[in-house]
């Protein structure tokens, strides 16, 4: 991933997203330049700096889908859903409607 980081950074600068969702510890650590665990990073917004003179982009770290498949539980599923609800709220988007019929 380290060899791809400059390319990814250029893509982020070009796209200029409102929010980045980093799936998994590796992605979050690389973008945030930290060694903190995904458990410490998830659930709150962080600031990703894409370049000098550019405002930071909000970044939400959450569990990688492969982790969820290996460690499936209601608790882990709830963590990811809570993270995604924060992203939707930050973007002023409604929660998806879930019809249980």
C-alpha atoms as a PDB file:
ATOM      1  CA  UNK A   1       0.000   0.000   0.000  1.00  0.00           C
ATOM      2  CA  UNK A   2       2.857   2.401   0.748  1.00  0.00           C
ATOM      3  CA  UNK A   3       3.904   2.393  -2.914  1.00  0.00           C
ATOM      4  CA  UNK A   4       0.325   3.295  -3.936  1.00  0.00           C
ATOM      5  CA  UNK A   5      -0.069   6.074  -1.370  1.00  0.00           C
ATOM      6  CA  UNK A   6       1.105   8.969  -3.601  1.00  0.00           C
ATOM      7  CA  UNK A   7      -1.324   7.860  -6.329  1.00  0.00           C
ATOM      8  CA  UNK A   8      -4.172   7.599  -3.819  1.00  0.00           C
ATOM      9  CA  UNK A   9      -3.337  11.021  -2.394  1.00  0.00           C
ATOM     10  CA  UNK A  10      -3.467  12.565  -5.884  1.00  0.00           C
ATOM     11  CA  UNK A  11      -6.831  10.902  -6.499  1.00  0.00           C
ATOM     12  CA  UNK A  12      -8.214  12.277  -3.238  1.00  0.00           C
ATOM     13  CA  UNK A  13      -6.951  15.768  -4.135  1.00  0.00           C
ATOM     14  CA  UNK A  14      -8.591  15.554  -7.571  1.00  0.00           C
ATOM     15  CA  UNK A  15     -11.915  14.257  -6.259  1.00  0.00           C
ATOM     16  CA  UNK A  16     -11.929  16.542  -3.198  1.00  0.00           C
ATOM     17  CA  UNK A  17     -14.505  14.454  -1.286  1.00  0.00           C
ATOM     18  CA  UNK A  18     -16.585  15.834   1.551  1.00  0.00           C
ATOM     19  CA  UNK A  19     -15.820  12.734   3.632  1.00  0.00           C
ATOM     20  CA  UNK A  20     -13.516   9.734   3.312  1.00  0.00           C
ATOM     21  CA  UNK A  21     -14.582   6.391   4.774  1.00  0.00           C
ATOM     22  CA  UNK A  22     -11.510   4.269   5.446  1.00  0.00           C
ATOM     23  CA  UNK A  23     -12.392   0.571   5.539  1.00  0.00           C
ATOM     24  CA  UNK A  24     -10.085  -1.176   7.966  1.00  0.00           C
ATOM     25  CA  UNK A  25      -7.088  -0.432  10.111  1.00  0.00           C
ATOM     26  CA  UNK A  26      -4.544  -0.516   7.305  1.00  0.00           C
ATOM     27  CA  UNK A  27      -6.326   2.105   5.188  1.00  0.00           C
ATOM     28  CA  UNK A  28      -7.034   4.329   8.189  1.00  0.00           C
ATOM     29  CA  UNK A  29      -3.476   4.103   9.519  1.00  0.00           C
ATOM     30  CA  UNK A  30      -1.954   4.931   6.143  1.00  0.00           C
ATOM     31  CA  UNK A  31      -4.177   7.939   5.522  1.00  0.00           C
ATOM     32  CA  UNK A  32      -3.925   9.272   9.067  1.00  0.00           C
ATOM     33  CA  UNK A  33      -0.246   8.378   9.507  1.00  0.00           C
ATOM     34  CA  UNK A  34      -0.865   6.689  12.841  1.00  0.00           C
ATOM     35  CA  UNK A  35      -0.320   3.369  14.553  1.00  0.00           C
ATOM     36  CA  UNK A  36      -3.563   3.483  16.544  1.00  0.00           C
ATOM     37  CA  UNK A  37      -5.863   0.456  16.328  1.00  0.00           C
ATOM     38  CA  UNK A  38      -9.108   0.452  14.375  1.00  0.00           C
ATOM     39  CA  UNK A  39     -10.903   0.148  17.703  1.00  0.00           C
ATOM     40  CA  UNK A  40      -9.353   3.447  18.765  1.00  0.00           C
ATOM     41  CA  UNK A  41      -9.960   5.143  15.406  1.00  0.00           C
ATOM     42  CA  UNK A  42     -13.507   4.097  14.536  1.00  0.00           C
ATOM     43  CA  UNK A  43     -16.591   5.938  15.691  1.00  0.00           C
ATOM     44  CA  UNK A  44     -15.264   9.479  15.369  1.00  0.00           C
ATOM     45  CA  UNK A  45     -14.228  11.824  12.610  1.00  0.00           C
ATOM     46  CA  UNK A  46     -10.556  12.517  12.025  1.00  0.00           C
ATOM     47  CA  UNK A  47      -8.877  15.102   9.816  1.00  0.00           C
ATOM     48  CA  UNK A  48      -7.094  13.932   6.672  1.00  0.00           C
ATOM     49  CA  UNK A  49      -4.724  16.513   5.211  1.00  0.00           C
ATOM     50  CA  UNK A  50      -4.314  16.183   1.454  1.00  0.00           C
ATOM     51  CA  UNK A  51      -1.818  18.967   0.928  1.00  0.00           C
ATOM     52  CA  UNK A  52      -0.356  22.232   2.090  1.00  0.00           C
ATOM     53  CA  UNK A  53      -2.877  25.040   1.955  1.00  0.00           C
ATOM     54  CA  UNK A  54      -5.809  22.668   1.551  1.00  0.00           C
ATOM     55  CA  UNK A  55      -8.430  22.341   4.265  1.00  0.00           C
ATOM     56  CA  UNK A  56      -8.626  18.950   5.972  1.00  0.00           C
ATOM     57  CA  UNK A  57     -11.124  16.339   4.826  1.00  0.00           C
ATOM     58  CA  UNK A  58     -13.177  14.501   7.426  1.00  0.00           C
ATOM     59  CA  UNK A  59     -12.298  10.819   7.630  1.00  0.00           C
ATOM     60  CA  UNK A  60     -14.347   8.100   9.308  1.00  0.00           C
ATOM     61  CA  UNK A  61     -12.551   4.823   9.959  1.00  0.00           C
ATOM     62  CA  UNK A  62     -14.592   1.674  10.355  1.00  0.00           C
ATOM     63  CA  UNK A  63     -14.139  -2.070  10.185  1.00  0.00           C
ATOM     64  CA  UNK A  64     -13.169  -3.681   6.885  1.00  0.00           C
ATOM     65  CA  UNK A  65     -15.870  -5.941   5.365  1.00  0.00           C
ATOM     66  CA  UNK A  66     -13.491  -8.942   5.510  1.00  0.00           C
ATOM     67  CA  UNK A  67     -13.083  -8.388   9.254  1.00  0.00           C
ATOM     68  CA  UNK A  68     -16.852  -8.347   9.669  1.00  0.00           C
ATOM     69  CA  UNK A  69     -17.174 -11.621   7.767  1.00  0.00           C
ATOM     70  CA  UNK A  70     -14.546 -13.290   9.949  1.00  0.00           C
ATOM     71  CA  UNK A  71     -15.816 -11.743  13.201  1.00  0.00           C
ATOM     72  CA  UNK A  72     -19.519 -11.409  12.566  1.00  0.00           C
ATOM     73  CA  UNK A  73     -21.532 -10.335  15.583  1.00  0.00           C
ATOM     74  CA  UNK A  74     -24.434  -8.029  16.312  1.00  0.00           C
ATOM     75  CA  UNK A  75     -22.017  -5.781  18.196  1.00  0.00           C
ATOM     76  CA  UNK A  76     -19.588  -5.401  15.264  1.00  0.00           C
ATOM     77  CA  UNK A  77     -22.455  -4.894  12.868  1.00  0.00           C
ATOM     78  CA  UNK A  78     -23.865  -2.203  15.171  1.00  0.00           C
ATOM     79  CA  UNK A  79     -20.475  -0.441  15.313  1.00  0.00           C
ATOM     80  CA  UNK A  80     -20.313  -0.139  11.534  1.00  0.00           C
ATOM     81  CA  UNK A  81     -23.930   0.992  11.310  1.00  0.00           C
ATOM     82  CA  UNK A  82     -23.281   3.684  13.950  1.00  0.00           C
ATOM     83  CA  UNK A  83     -20.231   4.847  11.961  1.00  0.00           C
ATOM     84  CA  UNK A  84     -22.254   5.029   8.739  1.00  0.00           C
ATOM     85  CA  UNK A  85     -25.086   6.921  10.452  1.00  0.00           C
ATOM     86  CA  UNK A  86     -22.548   9.550  11.540  1.00  0.00           C
ATOM     87  CA  UNK A  87     -21.312   9.853   7.947  1.00  0.00           C
ATOM     88  CA  UNK A  88     -24.857  10.231   6.611  1.00  0.00           C
ATOM     89  CA  UNK A  89     -25.681  12.831   9.272  1.00  0.00           C
ATOM     90  CA  UNK A  90     -22.525  14.796   8.473  1.00  0.00           C
ATOM     91  CA  UNK A  91     -23.537  14.824   4.795  1.00  0.00           C
ATOM     92  CA  UNK A  92     -27.123  15.797   5.724  1.00  0.00           C
ATOM     93  CA  UNK A  93     -28.431  12.637   4.067  1.00  0.00           C
ATOM     94  CA  UNK A  94     -31.402  10.650   5.359  1.00  0.00           C
ATOM     95  CA  UNK A  95     -31.065   7.194   6.810  1.00  0.00           C
ATOM     96  CA  UNK A  96     -32.127   4.469   4.396  1.00  0.00           C
ATOM     97  CA  UNK A  97     -35.637   3.213   4.971  1.00  0.00           C
ATOM     98  CA  UNK A  98     -35.810  -0.406   6.017  1.00  0.00           C
ATOM     99  CA  UNK A  99     -39.121  -2.096   5.318  1.00  0.00           C
ATOM    100  CA  UNK A 100     -39.486  -5.314   7.329  1.00  0.00           C
ATOM    101  CA  UNK A 101     -42.357  -6.714   5.233  1.00  0.00           C
END
